[in-house]
């Protein structure tokens, strides 16, 4: 190898190695998911929840969105909500929910309380299946989601 090619190879290697190390450290430190992100940046429709082995259909307004910047929001079935959220791979942890305080019928309010409790009881495990997503808590309770059709 001539001196010019040798010098060029070393220059390229010297430039690429620190860049690769910096990028690798940035991903690990930020807790970002590697590979495709099946959870963030999608408007999810809440189809229902399964709590204690009983599945309940969600009211029509129930929605969820998790953004890459650590913010989540949507509708619990009656009230709007927002929260901080952490996503590490397939693990999702919601902080305290901030909600509006509208009153709805008993069935919608019961669903809303159950959904809020399931989202905030601890770390949820996300499992994608086709256009759907299931979030499961440590007790086996599940939130069933599907991609929201455009309005």
N, C-alpha and C. Protein backbone atom coordinates (compact mmCIF):
# COMPACT_ATOMS: atom_id res chain seq x y z
N UNK A 1 0.86 -1.18 0.00
CA UNK A 1 0.00 0.00 0.00
C UNK A 1 0.90 1.23 0.00
N UNK A 2 0.63 2.18 -0.88
CA UNK A 2 1.49 3.37 -0.90
C UNK A 2 1.15 4.27 0.28
N UNK A 3 2.04 5.25 0.52
CA UNK A 3 1.89 6.12 1.69
C UNK A 3 0.59 6.93 1.64
N UNK A 4 0.17 7.36 0.44
CA UNK A 4 -1.06 8.15 0.31
C UNK A 4 -2.27 7.33 0.73
N UNK A 5 -2.38 6.08 0.22
CA UNK A 5 -3.51 5.22 0.58
C UNK A 5 -3.49 4.88 2.06
N UNK A 6 -2.28 4.64 2.60
CA UNK A 6 -2.15 4.31 4.01
C UNK A 6 -2.63 5.49 4.87
N UNK A 7 -2.19 6.71 4.52
CA UNK A 7 -2.57 7.91 5.27
C UNK A 7 -4.09 8.14 5.18
N UNK A 8 -4.67 7.95 3.95
CA UNK A 8 -6.09 8.14 3.76
C UNK A 8 -6.89 7.13 4.58
N UNK A 9 -6.47 5.87 4.60
CA UNK A 9 -7.14 4.84 5.38
C UNK A 9 -7.12 5.19 6.86
N UNK A 10 -5.97 5.63 7.36
CA UNK A 10 -5.87 6.00 8.78
C UNK A 10 -6.74 7.22 9.08
N UNK A 11 -6.78 8.18 8.17
CA UNK A 11 -7.60 9.38 8.39
C UNK A 11 -9.08 9.02 8.47
N UNK A 12 -9.56 8.19 7.54
CA UNK A 12 -10.96 7.77 7.55
C UNK A 12 -11.26 6.98 8.81
N UNK A 13 -10.39 6.05 9.18
CA UNK A 13 -10.60 5.25 10.40
C UNK A 13 -10.62 6.14 11.63
N UNK A 14 -9.72 7.13 11.69
CA UNK A 14 -9.67 8.03 12.84
C UNK A 14 -10.94 8.87 12.94
N UNK A 15 -11.56 9.19 11.80
CA UNK A 15 -12.79 9.97 11.81
C UNK A 15 -14.01 9.13 12.14
N UNK A 16 -14.06 7.88 11.66
CA UNK A 16 -15.24 7.03 11.82
C UNK A 16 -15.32 6.42 13.21
N UNK A 17 -14.23 5.97 13.77
CA UNK A 17 -14.27 5.28 15.07
C UNK A 17 -14.83 6.17 16.17
N UNK A 18 -14.33 7.41 16.37
CA UNK A 18 -14.94 8.24 17.42
C UNK A 18 -16.42 8.53 17.16
N UNK A 19 -16.80 8.71 15.88
CA UNK A 19 -18.20 8.96 15.55
C UNK A 19 -19.07 7.77 15.95
N UNK A 20 -18.61 6.56 15.63
CA UNK A 20 -19.37 5.35 15.97
C UNK A 20 -19.48 5.20 17.48
N UNK A 21 -18.41 5.48 18.20
CA UNK A 21 -18.44 5.37 19.66
C UNK A 21 -19.40 6.41 20.24
N UNK A 22 -19.34 7.64 19.73
CA UNK A 22 -20.23 8.69 20.23
C UNK A 22 -21.68 8.35 19.97
N UNK A 23 -21.97 7.85 18.78
CA UNK A 23 -23.36 7.48 18.48
C UNK A 23 -23.83 6.34 19.34
N UNK A 24 -23.00 5.37 19.55
CA UNK A 24 -23.36 4.23 20.40
C UNK A 24 -23.63 4.67 21.82
N UNK A 25 -22.80 5.53 22.36
CA UNK A 25 -23.02 6.01 23.73
C UNK A 25 -24.28 6.84 23.82
N UNK A 26 -24.57 7.63 22.81
CA UNK A 26 -25.78 8.46 22.85
C UNK A 26 -27.03 7.61 22.93
N UNK A 27 -27.08 6.53 22.18
CA UNK A 27 -28.26 5.67 22.20
C UNK A 27 -28.41 4.98 23.54
N UNK A 28 -27.33 4.48 24.06
CA UNK A 28 -27.41 3.75 25.33
C UNK A 28 -27.82 4.68 26.46
N UNK A 29 -27.26 5.89 26.48
CA UNK A 29 -27.56 6.81 27.57
C UNK A 29 -28.98 7.34 27.48
N UNK A 30 -29.50 7.52 26.28
CA UNK A 30 -30.84 8.11 26.15
C UNK A 30 -31.95 7.10 26.41
N UNK A 31 -31.61 5.82 26.42
CA UNK A 31 -32.64 4.81 26.64
C UNK A 31 -33.51 4.60 25.42
N UNK A 32 -33.06 5.11 24.27
CA UNK A 32 -33.86 4.96 23.05
C UNK A 32 -33.90 3.50 22.63
N UNK A 33 -35.01 3.12 22.00
CA UNK A 33 -35.14 1.76 21.50
C UNK A 33 -34.24 1.60 20.30
N UNK A 34 -33.57 0.46 20.19
CA UNK A 34 -32.79 0.20 19.00
C UNK A 34 -33.71 -0.44 17.97
N UNK A 35 -33.40 -0.23 16.72
CA UNK A 35 -34.22 -0.81 15.67
C UNK A 35 -35.53 -0.05 15.52
N UNK A 36 -36.54 -0.68 14.93
CA UNK A 36 -37.81 0.01 14.69
C UNK A 36 -38.50 0.37 16.00
N UNK A 37 -39.26 1.43 15.96
CA UNK A 37 -39.99 1.91 17.14
C UNK A 37 -41.47 1.64 16.95
N UNK A 38 -41.94 0.48 17.37
CA UNK A 38 -43.34 0.15 17.14
C UNK A 38 -44.31 0.86 18.07
N UNK A 39 -43.83 1.64 19.04
CA UNK A 39 -44.70 2.24 20.04
C UNK A 39 -44.81 3.74 19.87
N UNK A 40 -43.69 4.43 19.70
CA UNK A 40 -43.68 5.89 19.69
C UNK A 40 -44.08 6.47 18.34
N UNK A 41 -44.65 7.67 18.41
CA UNK A 41 -44.99 8.40 17.20
C UNK A 41 -46.24 7.88 16.49
N UNK A 42 -47.01 7.07 17.15
CA UNK A 42 -48.22 6.48 16.55
C UNK A 42 -49.42 6.88 17.39
N UNK A 43 -50.49 7.25 16.71
CA UNK A 43 -51.76 7.52 17.41
C UNK A 43 -52.47 6.17 17.56
N UNK A 44 -52.52 5.69 18.80
CA UNK A 44 -53.14 4.39 19.08
C UNK A 44 -54.58 4.58 19.54
N UNK A 45 -55.44 3.72 19.09
CA UNK A 45 -56.82 3.64 19.59
C UNK A 45 -56.79 2.61 20.71
N UNK A 46 -57.36 2.92 21.86
CA UNK A 46 -57.48 1.94 22.94
C UNK A 46 -58.73 1.11 22.62
N UNK A 47 -58.52 -0.17 22.33
CA UNK A 47 -59.64 -1.06 22.00
C UNK A 47 -60.31 -1.61 23.25
N UNK A 48 -59.51 -1.84 24.28
CA UNK A 48 -60.06 -2.39 25.52
C UNK A 48 -58.95 -2.66 26.51
N UNK A 49 -59.36 -3.15 27.67
CA UNK A 49 -58.41 -3.56 28.71
C UNK A 49 -58.86 -4.90 29.26
N UNK A 50 -57.90 -5.65 29.73
CA UNK A 50 -58.18 -6.90 30.43
C UNK A 50 -57.60 -6.74 31.83
N UNK A 51 -58.48 -6.70 32.82
CA UNK A 51 -58.06 -6.53 34.22
C UNK A 51 -58.66 -7.67 35.03
N UNK A 52 -57.80 -8.38 35.74
CA UNK A 52 -58.28 -9.50 36.56
C UNK A 52 -58.97 -10.57 35.74
N UNK A 53 -58.57 -10.73 34.48
CA UNK A 53 -59.15 -11.75 33.62
C UNK A 53 -60.42 -11.34 32.90
N UNK A 54 -60.92 -10.14 33.18
CA UNK A 54 -62.14 -9.64 32.52
C UNK A 54 -61.77 -8.58 31.50
N UNK A 55 -62.21 -8.77 30.26
CA UNK A 55 -61.94 -7.81 29.19
C UNK A 55 -63.12 -6.87 29.03
N UNK A 56 -62.80 -5.57 28.94
CA UNK A 56 -63.82 -4.54 28.76
C UNK A 56 -63.48 -3.73 27.53
N UNK A 57 -64.48 -3.47 26.71
CA UNK A 57 -64.31 -2.64 25.52
C UNK A 57 -64.12 -1.18 25.95
N UNK A 58 -63.30 -0.47 25.21
CA UNK A 58 -63.04 0.94 25.52
C UNK A 58 -64.12 1.84 24.92
N UNK A 59 -64.42 2.94 25.58
CA UNK A 59 -65.29 3.95 24.98
C UNK A 59 -64.60 4.50 23.71
N UNK A 60 -65.39 4.96 22.77
CA UNK A 60 -64.86 5.43 21.48
C UNK A 60 -63.74 6.47 21.58
N UNK A 61 -63.77 7.42 22.52
CA UNK A 61 -62.72 8.44 22.53
C UNK A 61 -61.35 7.97 23.06
N UNK A 62 -61.26 6.78 23.61
CA UNK A 62 -60.02 6.34 24.27
C UNK A 62 -58.87 6.25 23.27
N UNK A 63 -57.81 7.01 23.56
CA UNK A 63 -56.65 7.12 22.68
C UNK A 63 -55.37 7.19 23.49
N UNK A 64 -54.25 6.89 22.83
CA UNK A 64 -52.93 6.98 23.47
C UNK A 64 -51.90 7.34 22.42
N UNK A 65 -51.01 8.24 22.76
CA UNK A 65 -49.86 8.56 21.91
C UNK A 65 -48.65 8.72 22.81
N UNK A 66 -47.55 8.08 22.42
CA UNK A 66 -46.28 8.21 23.12
C UNK A 66 -45.30 8.80 22.12
N UNK A 67 -44.74 9.94 22.46
CA UNK A 67 -43.78 10.59 21.58
C UNK A 67 -42.35 10.25 22.00
N UNK A 68 -41.44 10.39 21.06
CA UNK A 68 -40.04 10.06 21.31
C UNK A 68 -39.40 10.99 22.34
N UNK A 69 -40.01 12.14 22.60
CA UNK A 69 -39.43 13.09 23.54
C UNK A 69 -39.82 12.80 24.99
N UNK A 70 -40.46 11.66 25.24
CA UNK A 70 -40.81 11.28 26.61
C UNK A 70 -42.14 11.80 27.10
N UNK A 71 -42.98 12.23 26.18
CA UNK A 71 -44.31 12.72 26.56
C UNK A 71 -45.37 11.76 26.02
N UNK A 72 -46.40 11.57 26.82
CA UNK A 72 -47.54 10.75 26.39
C UNK A 72 -48.80 11.54 26.63
N UNK A 73 -49.83 11.20 25.89
CA UNK A 73 -51.10 11.87 26.07
C UNK A 73 -52.20 11.10 25.36
N UNK A 74 -53.41 11.54 25.59
CA UNK A 74 -54.53 10.89 24.94
C UNK A 74 -55.81 11.11 25.71
N UNK A 75 -56.67 10.11 25.63
CA UNK A 75 -57.97 10.16 26.27
C UNK A 75 -58.20 8.83 26.97
N UNK A 76 -58.59 8.88 28.24
CA UNK A 76 -58.80 7.68 29.04
C UNK A 76 -60.19 7.07 28.83
N UNK A 77 -61.01 7.71 28.03
CA UNK A 77 -62.37 7.25 27.82
C UNK A 77 -63.37 8.35 28.05
N UNK A 78 -63.01 9.29 28.89
CA UNK A 78 -63.82 10.47 29.16
C UNK A 78 -62.90 11.70 29.21
N UNK A 79 -61.85 11.62 29.99
CA UNK A 79 -60.95 12.74 30.21
C UNK A 79 -59.65 12.63 29.42
N UNK A 80 -59.16 13.80 29.00
CA UNK A 80 -57.85 13.89 28.37
C UNK A 80 -56.79 13.69 29.44
N UNK A 81 -55.62 13.18 29.03
CA UNK A 81 -54.52 13.04 29.97
C UNK A 81 -53.19 13.33 29.30
N UNK A 82 -52.20 13.62 30.13
CA UNK A 82 -50.82 13.73 29.68
C UNK A 82 -49.94 13.15 30.78
N UNK A 83 -48.74 12.73 30.41
CA UNK A 83 -47.81 12.14 31.38
C UNK A 83 -46.42 12.11 30.78
N UNK A 84 -45.44 12.02 31.63
CA UNK A 84 -44.08 11.72 31.20
C UNK A 84 -44.02 10.22 31.04
N UNK A 85 -43.21 9.75 30.10
CA UNK A 85 -43.10 8.32 29.85
C UNK A 85 -41.66 7.99 29.49
N UNK A 86 -41.22 6.82 29.91
CA UNK A 86 -39.90 6.33 29.58
C UNK A 86 -40.05 5.05 28.78
N UNK A 87 -39.35 4.97 27.66
CA UNK A 87 -39.39 3.78 26.82
C UNK A 87 -37.98 3.22 26.73
N UNK A 88 -37.80 1.98 27.16
CA UNK A 88 -36.53 1.26 27.06
C UNK A 88 -36.82 -0.06 26.37
N UNK A 89 -36.51 -0.14 25.08
CA UNK A 89 -36.81 -1.36 24.34
C UNK A 89 -38.31 -1.60 24.36
N UNK A 90 -38.71 -2.77 24.87
CA UNK A 90 -40.15 -3.07 24.93
C UNK A 90 -40.75 -2.73 26.29
N UNK A 91 -40.02 -2.02 27.13
CA UNK A 91 -40.48 -1.64 28.48
C UNK A 91 -40.91 -0.18 28.49
N UNK A 92 -42.10 0.07 29.02
CA UNK A 92 -42.67 1.41 29.05
C UNK A 92 -43.12 1.72 30.48
N UNK A 93 -42.71 2.88 30.98
CA UNK A 93 -43.11 3.30 32.32
C UNK A 93 -43.71 4.69 32.26
N UNK A 94 -44.96 4.81 32.70
CA UNK A 94 -45.65 6.09 32.74
C UNK A 94 -45.45 6.74 34.10
N UNK A 95 -45.27 8.06 34.10
CA UNK A 95 -45.27 8.82 35.34
C UNK A 95 -46.71 9.10 35.73
N UNK A 96 -46.89 9.98 36.70
CA UNK A 96 -48.24 10.37 37.13
C UNK A 96 -49.01 10.99 35.97
N UNK A 97 -50.27 10.63 35.87
CA UNK A 97 -51.13 11.17 34.83
C UNK A 97 -51.73 12.50 35.28
N UNK A 98 -51.73 13.46 34.39
CA UNK A 98 -52.46 14.72 34.61
C UNK A 98 -53.70 14.63 33.74
N UNK A 99 -54.85 14.84 34.33
CA UNK A 99 -56.10 14.66 33.58
C UNK A 99 -57.01 15.87 33.73
N UNK A 100 -57.91 15.98 32.75
CA UNK A 100 -59.00 16.94 32.89
C UNK A 100 -59.96 16.32 33.91
N UNK A 101 -60.98 17.04 34.31
CA UNK A 101 -61.87 16.56 35.37
C UNK A 101 -63.34 16.57 34.94
N UNK A 102 -63.59 16.07 33.75
CA UNK A 102 -64.98 15.97 33.29
C UNK A 102 -65.64 14.77 33.92
N UNK A 103 -66.93 14.84 34.08
CA UNK A 103 -67.68 13.70 34.58
C UNK A 103 -68.43 13.07 33.42
N UNK A 104 -68.40 11.76 33.36
CA UNK A 104 -69.12 11.01 32.34
C UNK A 104 -69.94 9.95 33.06
N UNK A 105 -70.64 9.14 32.29
CA UNK A 105 -71.43 8.07 32.89
C UNK A 105 -70.56 7.08 33.67
N UNK A 106 -71.21 6.35 34.55
CA UNK A 106 -70.50 5.44 35.45
C UNK A 106 -69.62 4.43 34.70
N UNK A 107 -70.13 3.83 33.64
CA UNK A 107 -69.38 2.82 32.90
C UNK A 107 -68.09 3.40 32.31
N UNK A 108 -68.19 4.60 31.73
CA UNK A 108 -66.99 5.24 31.17
C UNK A 108 -66.00 5.62 32.26
N UNK A 109 -66.50 6.10 33.39
CA UNK A 109 -65.61 6.48 34.49
C UNK A 109 -64.93 5.25 35.09
N UNK A 110 -65.65 4.14 35.20
CA UNK A 110 -65.04 2.90 35.70
C UNK A 110 -63.94 2.43 34.76
N UNK A 111 -64.20 2.49 33.45
CA UNK A 111 -63.19 2.10 32.47
C UNK A 111 -61.97 3.01 32.60
N UNK A 112 -62.22 4.30 32.70
CA UNK A 112 -61.14 5.29 32.80
C UNK A 112 -60.26 5.03 34.01
N UNK A 113 -60.85 4.76 35.14
CA UNK A 113 -60.05 4.49 36.35
C UNK A 113 -59.22 3.22 36.18
N UNK A 114 -59.80 2.19 35.59
CA UNK A 114 -59.07 0.93 35.37
C UNK A 114 -57.92 1.12 34.38
N UNK A 115 -58.15 1.89 33.31
CA UNK A 115 -57.09 2.15 32.34
C UNK A 115 -55.96 2.96 32.98
N UNK A 116 -56.30 4.01 33.71
CA UNK A 116 -55.28 4.84 34.37
C UNK A 116 -54.46 4.01 35.35
N UNK A 117 -55.11 3.15 36.11
CA UNK A 117 -54.42 2.29 37.07
C UNK A 117 -53.47 1.33 36.35
N UNK A 118 -53.92 0.73 35.25
CA UNK A 118 -53.10 -0.21 34.51
C UNK A 118 -51.88 0.48 33.90
N UNK A 119 -52.07 1.69 33.38
CA UNK A 119 -50.94 2.41 32.79
C UNK A 119 -49.89 2.81 33.81
N UNK A 120 -50.29 3.02 35.06
CA UNK A 120 -49.37 3.59 36.05
C UNK A 120 -48.96 2.65 37.18
N UNK A 121 -49.29 1.36 37.10
CA UNK A 121 -48.94 0.45 38.20
C UNK A 121 -47.48 0.03 38.20
N UNK A 122 -46.76 0.35 37.17
CA UNK A 122 -45.35 -0.03 37.07
C UNK A 122 -44.97 -0.15 35.62
N UNK A 123 -43.89 -0.85 35.37
CA UNK A 123 -43.41 -0.99 34.00
C UNK A 123 -44.30 -1.94 33.21
N UNK A 124 -44.65 -1.50 32.01
CA UNK A 124 -45.46 -2.29 31.09
C UNK A 124 -44.55 -2.90 30.03
N UNK A 125 -44.91 -4.07 29.57
CA UNK A 125 -44.17 -4.72 28.48
C UNK A 125 -45.02 -4.60 27.22
N UNK A 126 -44.43 -4.06 26.16
CA UNK A 126 -45.13 -3.87 24.89
C UNK A 126 -44.86 -5.05 23.97
N UNK A 127 -45.94 -5.55 23.34
CA UNK A 127 -45.80 -6.62 22.37
C UNK A 127 -46.64 -6.26 21.15
N UNK A 128 -45.95 -6.07 20.02
CA UNK A 128 -46.64 -5.73 18.77
C UNK A 128 -47.10 -7.00 18.08
N UNK A 129 -48.28 -6.91 17.46
CA UNK A 129 -48.78 -8.03 16.66
C UNK A 129 -49.57 -7.45 15.49
N UNK A 130 -48.94 -7.40 14.33
CA UNK A 130 -49.56 -6.79 13.16
C UNK A 130 -49.75 -5.31 13.39
N UNK A 131 -50.96 -4.82 13.23
CA UNK A 131 -51.26 -3.40 13.44
C UNK A 131 -51.64 -3.12 14.89
N UNK A 132 -51.57 -4.13 15.74
CA UNK A 132 -51.96 -3.96 17.14
C UNK A 132 -50.77 -3.94 18.07
N UNK A 133 -51.04 -3.55 19.30
CA UNK A 133 -50.03 -3.50 20.35
C UNK A 133 -50.72 -3.84 21.66
N UNK A 134 -50.07 -4.64 22.47
CA UNK A 134 -50.60 -4.96 23.79
C UNK A 134 -49.58 -4.53 24.83
N UNK A 135 -50.03 -3.79 25.84
CA UNK A 135 -49.20 -3.38 26.97
C UNK A 135 -49.63 -4.22 28.16
N UNK A 136 -48.68 -4.92 28.76
CA UNK A 136 -49.01 -5.82 29.88
C UNK A 136 -48.26 -5.38 31.12
N UNK A 137 -48.99 -5.28 32.25
CA UNK A 137 -48.32 -4.90 33.50
C UNK A 137 -47.86 -6.15 34.25
N UNK A 138 -47.23 -5.95 35.39
CA UNK A 138 -46.68 -7.04 36.17
C UNK A 138 -47.71 -8.01 36.72
N UNK A 139 -48.97 -7.60 36.79
CA UNK A 139 -50.04 -8.47 37.28
C UNK A 139 -50.73 -9.23 36.15
N UNK A 140 -50.30 -8.98 34.91
CA UNK A 140 -50.93 -9.63 33.76
C UNK A 140 -52.09 -8.87 33.17
N UNK A 141 -52.40 -7.69 33.73
CA UNK A 141 -53.46 -6.86 33.16
C UNK A 141 -52.94 -6.26 31.85
N UNK A 142 -53.83 -6.10 30.88
CA UNK A 142 -53.40 -5.69 29.55
C UNK A 142 -54.22 -4.53 29.00
N UNK A 143 -53.54 -3.69 28.22
CA UNK A 143 -54.18 -2.63 27.45
C UNK A 143 -54.05 -3.03 25.99
N UNK A 144 -55.17 -3.15 25.29
CA UNK A 144 -55.20 -3.57 23.90
C UNK A 144 -55.32 -2.33 23.01
N UNK A 145 -54.36 -2.17 22.10
CA UNK A 145 -54.31 -0.99 21.24
C UNK A 145 -54.27 -1.39 19.77
N UNK A 146 -54.76 -0.51 18.92
CA UNK A 146 -54.61 -0.70 17.48
C UNK A 146 -54.31 0.65 16.86
N UNK A 147 -53.70 0.59 15.68
CA UNK A 147 -53.37 1.86 15.00
C UNK A 147 -54.66 2.59 14.71
N UNK A 148 -54.66 3.84 15.04
CA UNK A 148 -55.86 4.67 14.84
C UNK A 148 -55.98 5.02 13.37
N UNK A 149 -57.16 4.82 12.83
CA UNK A 149 -57.43 5.20 11.45
C UNK A 149 -57.47 6.73 11.36
N UNK A 150 -56.97 7.30 10.27
CA UNK A 150 -57.02 8.76 10.14
C UNK A 150 -58.45 9.27 10.20
N UNK A 151 -58.63 10.43 10.81
CA UNK A 151 -59.98 11.03 10.92
C UNK A 151 -60.39 11.67 9.62
